[in-house]
Structures are given as C-alpha cells and as structure tokens.
Amino acid sequence: MSIPSSDAEALVGALADDGIVTSSRDGNLRVSLHGYNDDRDIDRLMAGLARHRHLLA
C-alpha cells in the first residue's frame, strides 16, 4: 500500500522511531502487510500515521 506524503523519508524515520517498519517509494510511504500482521499492528500503524499526520499529503 502506498500513502501520499509531503516528506516520505521523514515519515519513514518518524514511524521507525515508533517501532513501525515502513519504506518510501516514489515520494510515498510504502506499507507492506503480511499474514503474520494482526489487528494490533494495524492499530499501531494507524496511531503512528495520526501522530505524524503533518507529514501526510
């Protein structure tokens, strides 16, 4: 999943500080969910995006 960001590298770093592993692709935040991710992981991601919403486009 790609999420538009005004500064994808800063968002990747901010989420990493929160313990959330993501990457950037073409100026967007890249999130890859897998079978081993559960609801708690999704909740942590959503909370991290909310905390750093100033970096979302």
PDB file of N, CA and C in Angstrom:
ATOM      1  N   MET A   1       0.836  -1.151   0.000  1.00  0.00           N
ATOM      2  CA  MET A   1       0.000   0.000   0.000  1.00  0.00           C
ATOM      3  C   MET A   1       0.896   1.234   0.000  1.00  0.00           C
ATOM      4  N   SER A   2       0.589   2.192  -0.824  1.00  0.00           N
ATOM      5  CA  SER A   2       1.307   3.464  -0.865  1.00  0.00           C
ATOM      6  C   SER A   2       0.415   4.567  -0.323  1.00  0.00           C
ATOM      7  N   ILE A   3       0.996   5.402   0.529  1.00  0.00           N
ATOM      8  CA  ILE A   3       0.270   6.502   1.157  1.00  0.00           C
ATOM      9  C   ILE A   3       0.988   7.794   0.802  1.00  0.00           C
ATOM     10  N   PRO A   4       0.307   8.753   0.182  1.00  0.00           N
ATOM     11  CA  PRO A   4       0.949  10.018  -0.178  1.00  0.00           C
ATOM     12  C   PRO A   4       1.503  10.740   1.049  1.00  0.00           C
ATOM     13  N   SER A   5       2.698  11.289   0.886  1.00  0.00           N
ATOM     14  CA  SER A   5       3.345  12.003   1.982  1.00  0.00           C
ATOM     15  C   SER A   5       4.011  13.264   1.459  1.00  0.00           C
ATOM     16  N   SER A   6       4.015  14.295   2.286  1.00  0.00           N
ATOM     17  CA  SER A   6       4.719  15.526   1.924  1.00  0.00           C
ATOM     18  C   SER A   6       6.220  15.367   2.111  1.00  0.00           C
ATOM     19  N   ASP A   7       6.654  14.407   2.958  1.00  0.00           N
ATOM     20  CA  ASP A   7       8.070  14.108   3.177  1.00  0.00           C
ATOM     21  C   ASP A   7       8.180  12.647   3.605  1.00  0.00           C
ATOM     22  N   ALA A   8       8.223  11.766   2.608  1.00  0.00           N
ATOM     23  CA  ALA A   8       8.193  10.327   2.875  1.00  0.00           C
ATOM     24  C   ALA A   8       9.370   9.870   3.728  1.00  0.00           C
ATOM     25  N   GLU A   9      10.564  10.411   3.484  1.00  0.00           N
ATOM     26  CA  GLU A   9      11.732   9.986   4.259  1.00  0.00           C
ATOM     27  C   GLU A   9      11.578  10.359   5.729  1.00  0.00           C
ATOM     28  N   ALA A  10      11.082  11.554   6.001  1.00  0.00           N
ATOM     29  CA  ALA A  10      10.861  11.972   7.390  1.00  0.00           C
ATOM     30  C   ALA A  10       9.789  11.102   8.042  1.00  0.00           C
ATOM     31  N   LEU A  11       8.752  10.741   7.297  1.00  0.00           N
ATOM     32  CA  LEU A  11       7.691   9.906   7.843  1.00  0.00           C
ATOM     33  C   LEU A  11       8.195   8.506   8.127  1.00  0.00           C
ATOM     34  N   VAL A  12       8.996   7.949   7.231  1.00  0.00           N
ATOM     35  CA  VAL A  12       9.595   6.631   7.467  1.00  0.00           C
ATOM     36  C   VAL A  12      10.425   6.675   8.754  1.00  0.00           C
ATOM     37  N   GLY A  13      11.215   7.729   8.930  1.00  0.00           N
ATOM     38  CA  GLY A  13      12.032   7.865  10.129  1.00  0.00           C
ATOM     39  C   GLY A  13      11.206   8.027  11.392  1.00  0.00           C
ATOM     40  N   ALA A  14      10.161   8.833  11.324  1.00  0.00           N
ATOM     41  CA  ALA A  14       9.302   9.048  12.491  1.00  0.00           C
ATOM     42  C   ALA A  14       8.600   7.756  12.894  1.00  0.00           C
ATOM     43  N   LEU A  15       8.108   7.015  11.897  1.00  0.00           N
ATOM     44  CA  LEU A  15       7.455   5.749  12.205  1.00  0.00           C
ATOM     45  C   LEU A  15       8.465   4.727  12.735  1.00  0.00           C
ATOM     46  N   ALA A  16       9.678   4.747  12.213  1.00  0.00           N
ATOM     47  CA  ALA A  16      10.720   3.846  12.719  1.00  0.00           C
ATOM     48  C   ALA A  16      10.998   4.138  14.187  1.00  0.00           C
ATOM     49  N   ASP A  17      11.017   5.414  14.560  1.00  0.00           N
ATOM     50  CA  ASP A  17      11.200   5.778  15.967  1.00  0.00           C
ATOM     51  C   ASP A  17      10.078   5.222  16.837  1.00  0.00           C
ATOM     52  N   ASP A  18       8.909   5.013  16.237  1.00  0.00           N
ATOM     53  CA  ASP A  18       7.761   4.428  16.933  1.00  0.00           C
ATOM     54  C   ASP A  18       7.784   2.897  16.873  1.00  0.00           C
ATOM     55  N   GLY A  19       8.806   2.323  16.224  1.00  0.00           N
ATOM     56  CA  GLY A  19       8.900   0.867  16.107  1.00  0.00           C
ATOM     57  C   GLY A  19       8.086   0.286  14.974  1.00  0.00           C
ATOM     58  N   ILE A  20       7.737   1.118  13.998  1.00  0.00           N
ATOM     59  CA  ILE A  20       6.931   0.686  12.850  1.00  0.00           C
ATOM     60  C   ILE A  20       7.822   0.716  11.619  1.00  0.00           C
ATOM     61  N   VAL A  21       7.985  -0.433  10.975  1.00  0.00           N
ATOM     62  CA  VAL A  21       8.870  -0.560   9.821  1.00  0.00           C
ATOM     63  C   VAL A  21       8.088  -0.282   8.540  1.00  0.00           C
ATOM     64  N   THR A  22       8.527   0.730   7.807  1.00  0.00           N
ATOM     65  CA  THR A  22       7.947   1.082   6.510  1.00  0.00           C
ATOM     66  C   THR A  22       9.099   1.444   5.586  1.00  0.00           C
ATOM     67  N   SER A  23       8.785   1.879   4.390  1.00  0.00           N
ATOM     68  CA  SER A  23       9.805   2.367   3.454  1.00  0.00           C
ATOM     69  C   SER A  23       9.169   3.459   2.599  1.00  0.00           C
ATOM     70  N   SER A  24       9.978   4.038   1.742  1.00  0.00           N
ATOM     71  CA  SER A  24       9.441   5.042   0.823  1.00  0.00           C
ATOM     72  C   SER A  24       9.652   4.578  -0.603  1.00  0.00           C
ATOM     73  N   ARG A  25       8.695   4.907  -1.452  1.00  0.00           N
ATOM     74  CA  ARG A  25       8.754   4.596  -2.880  1.00  0.00           C
ATOM     75  C   ARG A  25       8.156   5.767  -3.639  1.00  0.00           C
ATOM     76  N   ASP A  26       8.934   6.329  -4.531  1.00  0.00           N
ATOM     77  CA  ASP A  26       8.436   7.403  -5.403  1.00  0.00           C
ATOM     78  C   ASP A  26       7.782   8.539  -4.618  1.00  0.00           C
ATOM     79  N   GLY A  27       8.357   8.890  -3.466  1.00  0.00           N
ATOM     80  CA  GLY A  27       7.838  10.001  -2.676  1.00  0.00           C
ATOM     81  C   GLY A  27       6.630   9.673  -1.822  1.00  0.00           C
ATOM     82  N   ASN A  28       6.271   8.404  -1.765  1.00  0.00           N
ATOM     83  CA  ASN A  28       5.136   7.957  -0.958  1.00  0.00           C
ATOM     84  C   ASN A  28       5.613   7.039   0.157  1.00  0.00           C
ATOM     85  N   LEU A  29       4.817   6.933   1.208  1.00  0.00           N
ATOM     86  CA  LEU A  29       5.075   5.956   2.254  1.00  0.00           C
ATOM     87  C   LEU A  29       4.634   4.596   1.744  1.00  0.00           C
ATOM     88  N   ARG A  30       5.469   3.596   1.912  1.00  0.00           N
ATOM     89  CA  ARG A  30       5.140   2.234   1.480  1.00  0.00           C
ATOM     90  C   ARG A  30       4.940   1.383   2.717  1.00  0.00           C
ATOM     91  N   VAL A  31       3.773   0.763   2.819  1.00  0.00           N
ATOM     92  CA  VAL A  31       3.429  -0.123   3.932  1.00  0.00           C
ATOM     93  C   VAL A  31       3.129  -1.495   3.348  1.00  0.00           C
ATOM     94  N   SER A  32       3.789  -2.527   3.873  1.00  0.00           N
ATOM     95  CA  SER A  32       3.553  -3.891   3.399  1.00  0.00           C
ATOM     96  C   SER A  32       3.037  -4.736   4.550  1.00  0.00           C
ATOM     97  N   LEU A  33       1.811  -5.163   4.443  1.00  0.00           N
ATOM     98  CA  LEU A  33       1.214  -6.032   5.449  1.00  0.00           C
ATOM     99  C   LEU A  33       1.342  -7.480   5.002  1.00  0.00           C
ATOM    100  N   HIS A  34       1.491  -8.372   5.964  1.00  0.00           N
ATOM    101  CA  HIS A  34       1.667  -9.786   5.674  1.00  0.00           C
ATOM    102  C   HIS A  34       0.723 -10.610   6.545  1.00  0.00           C
ATOM    103  N   GLY A  35       0.694 -11.893   6.295  1.00  0.00           N
ATOM    104  CA  GLY A  35      -0.185 -12.797   7.036  1.00  0.00           C
ATOM    105  C   GLY A  35       0.084 -12.824   8.524  1.00  0.00           C
ATOM    106  N   TYR A  36       1.301 -12.510   8.919  1.00  0.00           N
ATOM    107  CA  TYR A  36       1.629 -12.542  10.349  1.00  0.00           C
ATOM    108  C   TYR A  36       1.268 -11.240  11.065  1.00  0.00           C
ATOM    109  N   ASN A  37       0.883 -10.204  10.333  1.00  0.00           N
ATOM    110  CA  ASN A  37       0.423  -8.973  10.977  1.00  0.00           C
ATOM    111  C   ASN A  37      -0.982  -9.194  11.521  1.00  0.00           C
ATOM    112  N   ASP A  38      -1.253  -8.586  12.666  1.00  0.00           N
ATOM    113  CA  ASP A  38      -2.576  -8.729  13.257  1.00  0.00           C
ATOM    114  C   ASP A  38      -3.192  -7.348  13.506  1.00  0.00           C
ATOM    115  N   ASP A  39      -4.349  -7.345  14.118  1.00  0.00           N
ATOM    116  CA  ASP A  39      -5.073  -6.097  14.361  1.00  0.00           C
ATOM    117  C   ASP A  39      -4.249  -5.095  15.164  1.00  0.00           C
ATOM    118  N   ARG A  40      -3.439  -5.575  16.091  1.00  0.00           N
ATOM    119  CA  ARG A  40      -2.621  -4.672  16.898  1.00  0.00           C
ATOM    120  C   ARG A  40      -1.613  -3.930  16.026  1.00  0.00           C
ATOM    121  N   ASP A  41      -1.041  -4.635  15.029  1.00  0.00           N
ATOM    122  CA  ASP A  41      -0.101  -3.991  14.119  1.00  0.00           C
ATOM    123  C   ASP A  41      -0.788  -2.892  13.315  1.00  0.00           C
ATOM    124  N   ILE A  42      -1.982  -3.171  12.850  1.00  0.00           N
ATOM    125  CA  ILE A  42      -2.745  -2.175  12.090  1.00  0.00           C
ATOM    126  C   ILE A  42      -3.077  -0.980  12.983  1.00  0.00           C
ATOM    127  N   ASP A  43      -3.481  -1.253  14.211  1.00  0.00           N
ATOM    128  CA  ASP A  43      -3.790  -0.170  15.153  1.00  0.00           C
ATOM    129  C   ASP A  43      -2.560   0.691  15.419  1.00  0.00           C
ATOM    130  N   ARG A  44      -1.388   0.066  15.577  1.00  0.00           N
ATOM    131  CA  ARG A  44      -0.150   0.817  15.807  1.00  0.00           C
ATOM    132  C   ARG A  44       0.187   1.681  14.601  1.00  0.00           C
ATOM    133  N   LEU A  45       0.007   1.129  13.393  1.00  0.00           N
ATOM    134  CA  LEU A  45       0.261   1.897  12.176  1.00  0.00           C
ATOM    135  C   LEU A  45      -0.674   3.097  12.100  1.00  0.00           C
ATOM    136  N   MET A  46      -1.957   2.868  12.328  1.00  0.00           N
ATOM    137  CA  MET A  46      -2.930   3.960  12.247  1.00  0.00           C
ATOM    138  C   MET A  46      -2.632   5.034  13.299  1.00  0.00           C
ATOM    139  N   ALA A  47      -2.257   4.626  14.504  1.00  0.00           N
ATOM    140  CA  ALA A  47      -1.913   5.597  15.552  1.00  0.00           C
ATOM    141  C   ALA A  47      -0.664   6.379  15.155  1.00  0.00           C
ATOM    142  N   GLY A  48       0.313   5.690  14.558  1.00  0.00           N
ATOM    143  CA  GLY A  48       1.522   6.376  14.100  1.00  0.00           C
ATOM    144  C   GLY A  48       1.228   7.375  13.003  1.00  0.00           C
ATOM    145  N   LEU A  49       0.372   7.002  12.066  1.00  0.00           N
ATOM    146  CA  LEU A  49       0.000   7.940  10.996  1.00  0.00           C
ATOM    147  C   LEU A  49      -0.742   9.142  11.575  1.00  0.00           C
ATOM    148  N   ALA A  50      -1.591   8.908  12.560  1.00  0.00           N
ATOM    149  CA  ALA A  50      -2.313  10.012  13.194  1.00  0.00           C
ATOM    150  C   ALA A  50      -1.329  10.946  13.913  1.00  0.00           C
ATOM    151  N   ARG A  51      -0.344  10.359  14.617  1.00  0.00           N
ATOM    152  CA  ARG A  51       0.644  11.148  15.353  1.00  0.00           C
ATOM    153  C   ARG A  51       1.471  12.014  14.415  1.00  0.00           C
ATOM    154  N   HIS A  52       1.733  11.503  13.226  1.00  0.00           N
ATOM    155  CA  HIS A  52       2.622  12.193  12.278  1.00  0.00           C
ATOM    156  C   HIS A  52       1.851  12.694  11.053  1.00  0.00           C
ATOM    157  N   ARG A  53       0.575  12.998  11.255  1.00  0.00           N
ATOM    158  CA  ARG A  53      -0.288  13.401  10.133  1.00  0.00           C
ATOM    159  C   ARG A  53       0.223  14.657   9.426  1.00  0.00           C
ATOM    160  N   HIS A  54       1.026  15.456  10.094  1.00  0.00           N
ATOM    161  CA  HIS A  54       1.579  16.648   9.436  1.00  0.00           C
ATOM    162  C   HIS A  54       2.523  16.270   8.279  1.00  0.00           C
ATOM    163  N   LEU A  55       2.934  14.990   8.212  1.00  0.00           N
ATOM    164  CA  LEU A  55       3.806  14.529   7.128  1.00  0.00           C
ATOM    165  C   LEU A  55       3.024  13.825   6.022  1.00  0.00           C
ATOM    166  N   LEU A  56       1.711  13.774   6.155  1.00  0.00           N
ATOM    167  CA  LEU A  56       0.876  13.176   5.110  1.00  0.00           C
ATOM    168  C   LEU A  56       0.480  14.267   4.112  1.00  0.00           C
ATOM    169  N   ALA A  57       0.369  13.863   2.856  1.00  0.00           N
ATOM    170  CA  ALA A  57      -0.009  14.829   1.802  1.00  0.00           C
ATOM    171  C   ALA A  57      -1.500  15.003   1.761  1.00  0.00           C
TER     172      ALA A  57
END
